[in-house]
Amino acid sequence: DEPLAAASAFYATVLPLIIHDSATNIVLVFHPAD
């Protein structure tokens, strides 16, 4: 829920998957947040 912790988790776990994904176009779907 905390923005800094959320950003840290995103960059640590999701970003590497996206960078190495072979798809031409990607749309990330986040849960709603304030």
All heavy atoms as atom14 arrays in JSON, in Angstrom:
{
  "sequence": "DEPLAAASAFYATVLPLIIHDSATNIVLVFHPAD",
  "atom14_mask": [
    [1, 1, 1, 1, 1, 1, 1, 1, 0, 0, 0, 0, 0, 0],
    [1, 1, 1, 1, 1, 1, 1, 1, 1, 0, 0, 0, 0, 0],
    [1, 1, 1, 1, 1, 1, 1, 0, 0, 0, 0, 0, 0, 0],
    [1, 1, 1, 1, 1, 1, 1, 1, 0, 0, 0, 0, 0, 0],
    [1, 1, 1, 1, 1, 0, 0, 0, 0, 0, 0, 0, 0, 0],
    [1, 1, 1, 1, 1, 0, 0, 0, 0, 0, 0, 0, 0, 0],
    [1, 1, 1, 1, 1, 0, 0, 0, 0, 0, 0, 0, 0, 0],
    [1, 1, 1, 1, 1, 1, 0, 0, 0, 0, 0, 0, 0, 0],
    [1, 1, 1, 1, 1, 0, 0, 0, 0, 0, 0, 0, 0, 0],
    [1, 1, 1, 1, 1, 1, 1, 1, 1, 1, 1, 0, 0, 0],
    [1, 1, 1, 1, 1, 1, 1, 1, 1, 1, 1, 1, 0, 0],
    [1, 1, 1, 1, 1, 0, 0, 0, 0, 0, 0, 0, 0, 0],
    [1, 1, 1, 1, 1, 1, 1, 0, 0, 0, 0, 0, 0, 0],
    [1, 1, 1, 1, 1, 1, 1, 0, 0, 0, 0, 0, 0, 0],
    [1, 1, 1, 1, 1, 1, 1, 1, 0, 0, 0, 0, 0, 0],
    [1, 1, 1, 1, 1, 1, 1, 0, 0, 0, 0, 0, 0, 0],
    [1, 1, 1, 1, 1, 1, 1, 1, 0, 0, 0, 0, 0, 0],
    [1, 1, 1, 1, 1, 1, 1, 1, 0, 0, 0, 0, 0, 0],
    [1, 1, 1, 1, 1, 1, 1, 1, 0, 0, 0, 0, 0, 0],
    [1, 1, 1, 1, 1, 1, 1, 1, 1, 1, 0, 0, 0, 0],
    [1, 1, 1, 1, 1, 1, 1, 1, 0, 0, 0, 0, 0, 0],
    [1, 1, 1, 1, 1, 1, 0, 0, 0, 0, 0, 0, 0, 0],
    [1, 1, 1, 1, 1, 0, 0, 0, 0, 0, 0, 0, 0, 0],
    [1, 1, 1, 1, 1, 1, 1, 0, 0, 0, 0, 0, 0, 0],
    [1, 1, 1, 1, 1, 1, 1, 1, 0, 0, 0, 0, 0, 0],
    [1, 1, 1, 1, 1, 1, 1, 1, 0, 0, 0, 0, 0, 0],
    [1, 1, 1, 1, 1, 1, 1, 0, 0, 0, 0, 0, 0, 0],
    [1, 1, 1, 1, 1, 1, 1, 1, 0, 0, 0, 0, 0, 0],
    [1, 1, 1, 1, 1, 1, 1, 0, 0, 0, 0, 0, 0, 0],
    [1, 1, 1, 1, 1, 1, 1, 1, 1, 1, 1, 0, 0, 0],
    [1, 1, 1, 1, 1, 1, 1, 1, 1, 1, 0, 0, 0, 0],
    [1, 1, 1, 1, 1, 1, 1, 0, 0, 0, 0, 0, 0, 0],
    [1, 1, 1, 1, 1, 0, 0, 0, 0, 0, 0, 0, 0, 0],
    [1, 1, 1, 1, 1, 1, 1, 1, 0, 0, 0, 0, 0, 0]
  ],
  "atom14_positions": [
    [[0.81, -1.22, 0.0], [0.0, 0.0, 0.0], [0.85, 1.27, 0.0], [0.45, 2.28, -0.57], [-0.93, 0.03, 1.22], [-2.04, -1.01, 1.11], [-2.41, -1.39, -0.02], [-2.53, -1.44, 2.17], [0.0, 0.0, 0.0], [0.0, 0.0, 0.0], [0.0, 0.0, 0.0], [0.0, 0.0, 0.0], [0.0, 0.0, 0.0], [0.0, 0.0, 0.0]],
    [[1.99, 1.24, 0.65], [2.85, 2.41, 0.74], [3.56, 2.62, -0.6], [4.13, 1.68, -1.15], [3.86, 2.19, 1.88], [4.52, 3.44, 2.37], [5.73, 3.84, 1.54], [6.52, 2.96, 1.12], [5.88, 5.05, 1.31], [0.0, 0.0, 0.0], [0.0, 0.0, 0.0], [0.0, 0.0, 0.0], [0.0, 0.0, 0.0], [0.0, 0.0, 0.0]],
    [[3.52, 3.83, -1.17], [4.07, 4.06, -2.51], [5.53, 3.66, -2.7], [5.87, 3.04, -3.71], [3.88, 5.56, -2.73], [2.78, 5.95, -1.81], [2.9, 5.04, -0.63], [0.0, 0.0, 0.0], [0.0, 0.0, 0.0], [0.0, 0.0, 0.0], [0.0, 0.0, 0.0], [0.0, 0.0, 0.0], [0.0, 0.0, 0.0], [0.0, 0.0, 0.0]],
    [[6.4, 4.01, -1.78], [7.82, 3.68, -1.93], [8.04, 2.17, -1.9], [8.8, 1.63, -2.71], [8.64, 4.38, -0.84], [10.16, 4.33, -1.02], [10.58, 4.9, -2.37], [10.84, 5.09, 0.1], [0.0, 0.0, 0.0], [0.0, 0.0, 0.0], [0.0, 0.0, 0.0], [0.0, 0.0, 0.0], [0.0, 0.0, 0.0], [0.0, 0.0, 0.0]],
    [[7.35, 1.49, -1.02], [7.46, 0.03, -0.95], [6.87, -0.62, -2.21], [7.41, -1.6, -2.73], [6.75, -0.5, 0.28], [0.0, 0.0, 0.0], [0.0, 0.0, 0.0], [0.0, 0.0, 0.0], [0.0, 0.0, 0.0], [0.0, 0.0, 0.0], [0.0, 0.0, 0.0], [0.0, 0.0, 0.0], [0.0, 0.0, 0.0], [0.0, 0.0, 0.0]],
    [[5.79, -0.04, -2.72], [5.18, -0.57, -3.94], [6.11, -0.4, -5.13], [6.3, -1.32, -5.94], [3.85, 0.12, -4.21], [0.0, 0.0, 0.0], [0.0, 0.0, 0.0], [0.0, 0.0, 0.0], [0.0, 0.0, 0.0], [0.0, 0.0, 0.0], [0.0, 0.0, 0.0], [0.0, 0.0, 0.0], [0.0, 0.0, 0.0], [0.0, 0.0, 0.0]],
    [[6.71, 0.78, -5.25], [7.65, 1.02, -6.34], [8.84, 0.08, -6.26], [9.28, -0.49, -7.25], [8.12, 2.48, -6.32], [0.0, 0.0, 0.0], [0.0, 0.0, 0.0], [0.0, 0.0, 0.0], [0.0, 0.0, 0.0], [0.0, 0.0, 0.0], [0.0, 0.0, 0.0], [0.0, 0.0, 0.0], [0.0, 0.0, 0.0], [0.0, 0.0, 0.0]],
    [[9.36, -0.1, -5.06], [10.49, -1.01, -4.85], [10.14, -2.43, -5.27], [10.92, -3.1, -5.97], [10.91, -0.96, -3.38], [11.97, -1.86, -3.15], [0.0, 0.0, 0.0], [0.0, 0.0, 0.0], [0.0, 0.0, 0.0], [0.0, 0.0, 0.0], [0.0, 0.0, 0.0], [0.0, 0.0, 0.0], [0.0, 0.0, 0.0], [0.0, 0.0, 0.0]],
    [[8.97, -2.9, -4.86], [8.53, -4.25, -5.23], [8.36, -4.37, -6.74], [8.73, -5.39, -7.33], [7.24, -4.6, -4.51], [0.0, 0.0, 0.0], [0.0, 0.0, 0.0], [0.0, 0.0, 0.0], [0.0, 0.0, 0.0], [0.0, 0.0, 0.0], [0.0, 0.0, 0.0], [0.0, 0.0, 0.0], [0.0, 0.0, 0.0], [0.0, 0.0, 0.0]],
    [[7.8, -3.35, -7.36], [7.62, -3.36, -8.82], [8.96, -3.48, -9.53], [9.14, -4.33, -10.4], [6.89, -2.09, -9.28], [6.83, -1.95, -10.77], [5.86, -2.62, -11.5], [7.75, -1.17, -11.45], [5.8, -2.5, -12.89], [7.7, -1.04, -12.84], [6.72, -1.71, -13.55], [0.0, 0.0, 0.0], [0.0, 0.0, 0.0], [0.0, 0.0, 0.0]],
    [[9.9, -2.61, -9.16], [11.2, -2.62, -9.83], [11.98, -3.91, -9.57], [12.72, -4.37, -10.44], [12.03, -1.41, -9.41], [11.58, -0.14, -10.1], [10.92, 0.87, -9.41], [11.8, 0.05, -11.46], [10.5, 2.03, -10.04], [11.39, 1.2, -12.11], [10.74, 2.19, -11.39], [10.32, 3.33, -12.03], [0.0, 0.0, 0.0], [0.0, 0.0, 0.0]],
    [[11.78, -4.52, -8.42], [12.51, -5.74, -8.08], [11.91, -6.99, -8.72], [12.64, -7.89, -9.14], [12.55, -5.93, -6.57], [0.0, 0.0, 0.0], [0.0, 0.0, 0.0], [0.0, 0.0, 0.0], [0.0, 0.0, 0.0], [0.0, 0.0, 0.0], [0.0, 0.0, 0.0], [0.0, 0.0, 0.0], [0.0, 0.0, 0.0], [0.0, 0.0, 0.0]],
    [[10.58, -7.05, -8.83], [9.96, -8.3, -9.28], [9.32, -8.24, -10.66], [9.41, -9.19, -11.42], [8.9, -8.77, -8.28], [7.88, -7.78, -8.16], [9.51, -9.03, -6.91], [0.0, 0.0, 0.0], [0.0, 0.0, 0.0], [0.0, 0.0, 0.0], [0.0, 0.0, 0.0], [0.0, 0.0, 0.0], [0.0, 0.0, 0.0], [0.0, 0.0, 0.0]],
    [[8.68, -7.13, -10.99], [7.95, -7.05, -12.26], [8.82, -6.54, -13.38], [8.81, -7.08, -14.5], [6.69, -6.16, -12.1], [5.93, -6.05, -13.41], [5.78, -6.7, -11.01], [0.0, 0.0, 0.0], [0.0, 0.0, 0.0], [0.0, 0.0, 0.0], [0.0, 0.0, 0.0], [0.0, 0.0, 0.0], [0.0, 0.0, 0.0], [0.0, 0.0, 0.0]],
    [[9.59, -5.51, -13.13], [10.42, -4.91, -14.18], [11.31, -5.91, -14.91], [11.34, -5.92, -16.14], [11.24, -3.75, -13.61], [12.09, -3.0, -14.62], [11.22, -2.3, -15.65], [12.99, -2.01, -13.9], [0.0, 0.0, 0.0], [0.0, 0.0, 0.0], [0.0, 0.0, 0.0], [0.0, 0.0, 0.0], [0.0, 0.0, 0.0], [0.0, 0.0, 0.0]],
    [[12.04, -6.79, -14.21], [12.88, -7.75, -14.93], [12.08, -8.64, -15.89], [12.56, -8.99, -16.97], [13.52, -8.58, -13.82], [13.49, -7.7, -12.62], [12.23, -6.9, -12.75], [0.0, 0.0, 0.0], [0.0, 0.0, 0.0], [0.0, 0.0, 0.0], [0.0, 0.0, 0.0], [0.0, 0.0, 0.0], [0.0, 0.0, 0.0], [0.0, 0.0, 0.0]],
    [[10.86, -8.99, -15.51], [10.03, -9.82, -16.38], [9.63, -9.07, -17.65], [9.59, -9.64, -18.74], [8.78, -10.28, -15.63], [9.02, -11.1, -14.37], [7.71, -11.36, -13.65], [9.73, -12.4, -14.7], [0.0, 0.0, 0.0], [0.0, 0.0, 0.0], [0.0, 0.0, 0.0], [0.0, 0.0, 0.0], [0.0, 0.0, 0.0], [0.0, 0.0, 0.0]],
    [[9.33, -7.8, -17.5], [8.9, -6.98, -18.65], [10.07, -6.75, -19.6], [9.93, -6.86, -20.81], [8.33, -5.64, -18.17], [7.07, -5.87, -17.35], [8.03, -4.72, -19.35], [6.65, -4.66, -16.56], [0.0, 0.0, 0.0], [0.0, 0.0, 0.0], [0.0, 0.0, 0.0], [0.0, 0.0, 0.0], [0.0, 0.0, 0.0], [0.0, 0.0, 0.0]],
    [[11.21, -6.44, -19.05], [12.38, -6.15, -19.89], [12.75, -7.36, -20.74], [13.15, -7.21, -21.9], [13.57, -5.69, -19.02], [13.27, -4.3, -18.46], [14.86, -5.7, -19.8], [14.28, -3.8, -17.47], [0.0, 0.0, 0.0], [0.0, 0.0, 0.0], [0.0, 0.0, 0.0], [0.0, 0.0, 0.0], [0.0, 0.0, 0.0], [0.0, 0.0, 0.0]],
    [[12.6, -8.55, -20.21], [12.98, -9.76, -20.93], [11.82, -10.42, -21.66], [12.0, -11.47, -22.27], [13.66, -10.74, -19.97], [14.9, -10.17, -19.37], [16.02, -9.9, -20.1], [15.17, -9.77, -18.1], [16.95, -9.37, -19.32], [16.46, -9.28, -18.1], [0.0, 0.0, 0.0], [0.0, 0.0, 0.0], [0.0, 0.0, 0.0], [0.0, 0.0, 0.0]],
    [[10.66, -9.8, -21.63], [9.49, -10.32, -22.34], [9.66, -10.06, -23.83], [10.1, -8.99, -24.23], [8.23, -9.63, -21.82], [6.96, -10.31, -22.29], [6.79, -10.46, -23.52], [6.14, -10.67, -21.44], [0.0, 0.0, 0.0], [0.0, 0.0, 0.0], [0.0, 0.0, 0.0], [0.0, 0.0, 0.0], [0.0, 0.0, 0.0], [0.0, 0.0, 0.0]],
    [[9.32, -11.02, -24.66], [9.5, -10.86, -26.1], [8.3, -10.25, -26.8], [8.35, -10.03, -28.01], [9.82, -12.22, -26.73], [8.73, -13.11, -26.52], [0.0, 0.0, 0.0], [0.0, 0.0, 0.0], [0.0, 0.0, 0.0], [0.0, 0.0, 0.0], [0.0, 0.0, 0.0], [0.0, 0.0, 0.0], [0.0, 0.0, 0.0], [0.0, 0.0, 0.0]],
    [[7.24, -9.93, -26.08], [6.06, -9.34, -26.7], [6.39, -7.99, -27.31], [7.2, -7.22, -26.77], [4.93, -9.18, -25.68], [0.0, 0.0, 0.0], [0.0, 0.0, 0.0], [0.0, 0.0, 0.0], [0.0, 0.0, 0.0], [0.0, 0.0, 0.0], [0.0, 0.0, 0.0], [0.0, 0.0, 0.0], [0.0, 0.0, 0.0], [0.0, 0.0, 0.0]],
    [[5.76, -7.69, -28.43], [6.0, -6.41, -29.09], [5.41, -5.25, -28.3], [6.01, -4.2, -28.18], [5.39, -6.42, -30.51], [5.97, -7.51, -31.23], [5.64, -5.14, -31.23], [0.0, 0.0, 0.0], [0.0, 0.0, 0.0], [0.0, 0.0, 0.0], [0.0, 0.0, 0.0], [0.0, 0.0, 0.0], [0.0, 0.0, 0.0], [0.0, 0.0, 0.0]],
    [[4.23, -5.44, -27.76], [3.56, -4.39, -27.0], [3.01, -4.98, -25.71], [2.47, -6.08, -25.7], [2.4, -3.81, -27.82], [2.89, -3.21, -29.12], [3.8, -2.4, -29.13], [2.3, -3.62, -30.21], [0.0, 0.0, 0.0], [0.0, 0.0, 0.0], [0.0, 0.0, 0.0], [0.0, 0.0, 0.0], [0.0, 0.0, 0.0], [0.0, 0.0, 0.0]],
    [[3.16, -4.22, -24.63], [2.74, -4.69, -23.32], [1.86, -3.63, -22.65], [2.16, -2.44, -22.72], [3.95, -4.98, -22.42], [4.75, -6.15, -22.98], [3.53, -5.25, -20.98], [5.97, -6.52, -22.19], [0.0, 0.0, 0.0], [0.0, 0.0, 0.0], [0.0, 0.0, 0.0], [0.0, 0.0, 0.0], [0.0, 0.0, 0.0], [0.0, 0.0, 0.0]],
    [[0.81, -4.09, -22.0], [-0.01, -3.24, -21.14], [-0.01, -3.86, -19.76], [-0.45, -4.99, -19.58], [-1.45, -3.08, -21.67], [-2.27, -2.26, -20.69], [-1.47, -2.45, -23.04], [0.0, 0.0, 0.0], [0.0, 0.0, 0.0], [0.0, 0.0, 0.0], [0.0, 0.0, 0.0], [0.0, 0.0, 0.0], [0.0, 0.0, 0.0], [0.0, 0.0, 0.0]],
    [[0.51, -3.11, -18.79], [0.49, -3.56, -17.41], [-0.84, -3.17, -16.8], [-1.33, -2.07, -17.05], [1.63, -2.92, -16.63], [3.01, -3.44, -16.98], [3.58, -2.68, -18.14], [3.9, -3.36, -15.8], [0.0, 0.0, 0.0], [0.0, 0.0, 0.0], [0.0, 0.0, 0.0], [0.0, 0.0, 0.0], [0.0, 0.0, 0.0], [0.0, 0.0, 0.0]],
    [[-1.4, -4.06, -16.02], [-2.67, -3.78, -15.34], [-2.4, -3.78, -13.84], [-2.18, -4.83, -13.23], [-3.75, -4.81, -15.71], [-5.05, -4.49, -14.98], [-3.97, -4.83, -17.21], [0.0, 0.0, 0.0], [0.0, 0.0, 0.0], [0.0, 0.0, 0.0], [0.0, 0.0, 0.0], [0.0, 0.0, 0.0], [0.0, 0.0, 0.0], [0.0, 0.0, 0.0]],
    [[-2.4, -2.57, -13.27], [-2.2, -2.39, -11.84], [-3.54, -2.44, -11.12], [-4.57, -2.08, -11.69], [-1.6, -1.01, -11.56], [-0.16, -0.86, -11.92], [0.22, -0.35, -13.15], [0.84, -1.19, -11.01], [1.56, -0.18, -13.48], [2.18, -1.02, -11.33], [2.54, -0.52, -12.57], [0.0, 0.0, 0.0], [0.0, 0.0, 0.0], [0.0, 0.0, 0.0]],
    [[-3.5, -2.81, -9.85], [-4.67, -2.65, -8.98], [-4.87, -1.15, -8.78], [-3.9, -0.39, -8.77], [-4.44, -3.33, -7.63], [-4.39, -4.81, -7.72], [-5.48, -5.61, -7.45], [-3.38, -5.66, -8.05], [-5.13, -6.88, -7.62], [-3.87, -6.93, -7.98], [0.0, 0.0, 0.0], [0.0, 0.0, 0.0], [0.0, 0.0, 0.0], [0.0, 0.0, 0.0]],
    [[-6.1, -0.7, -8.59], [-6.31, 0.72, -8.31], [-5.55, 1.14, -7.05], [-5.37, 0.34, -6.13], [-7.82, 0.82, -8.08], [-8.4, -0.35, -8.77], [-7.37, -1.43, -8.65], [0.0, 0.0, 0.0], [0.0, 0.0, 0.0], [0.0, 0.0, 0.0], [0.0, 0.0, 0.0], [0.0, 0.0, 0.0], [0.0, 0.0, 0.0], [0.0, 0.0, 0.0]],
    [[-5.09, 2.38, -7.05], [-4.39, 2.94, -5.9], [-4.69, 4.42, -5.82], [-5.13, 5.02, -6.8], [-2.89, 2.71, -6.03], [0.0, 0.0, 0.0], [0.0, 0.0, 0.0], [0.0, 0.0, 0.0], [0.0, 0.0, 0.0], [0.0, 0.0, 0.0], [0.0, 0.0, 0.0], [0.0, 0.0, 0.0], [0.0, 0.0, 0.0], [0.0, 0.0, 0.0]],
    [[-4.43, 5.01, -4.66], [-4.7, 6.43, -4.53], [-3.64, 7.26, -5.26], [-2.7, 6.72, -5.85], [-4.82, 6.82, -3.05], [-3.52, 6.67, -2.27], [-2.43, 6.77, -2.88], [-3.59, 6.45, -1.05], [0.0, 0.0, 0.0], [0.0, 0.0, 0.0], [0.0, 0.0, 0.0], [0.0, 0.0, 0.0], [0.0, 0.0, 0.0], [0.0, 0.0, 0.0]]
  ]
}
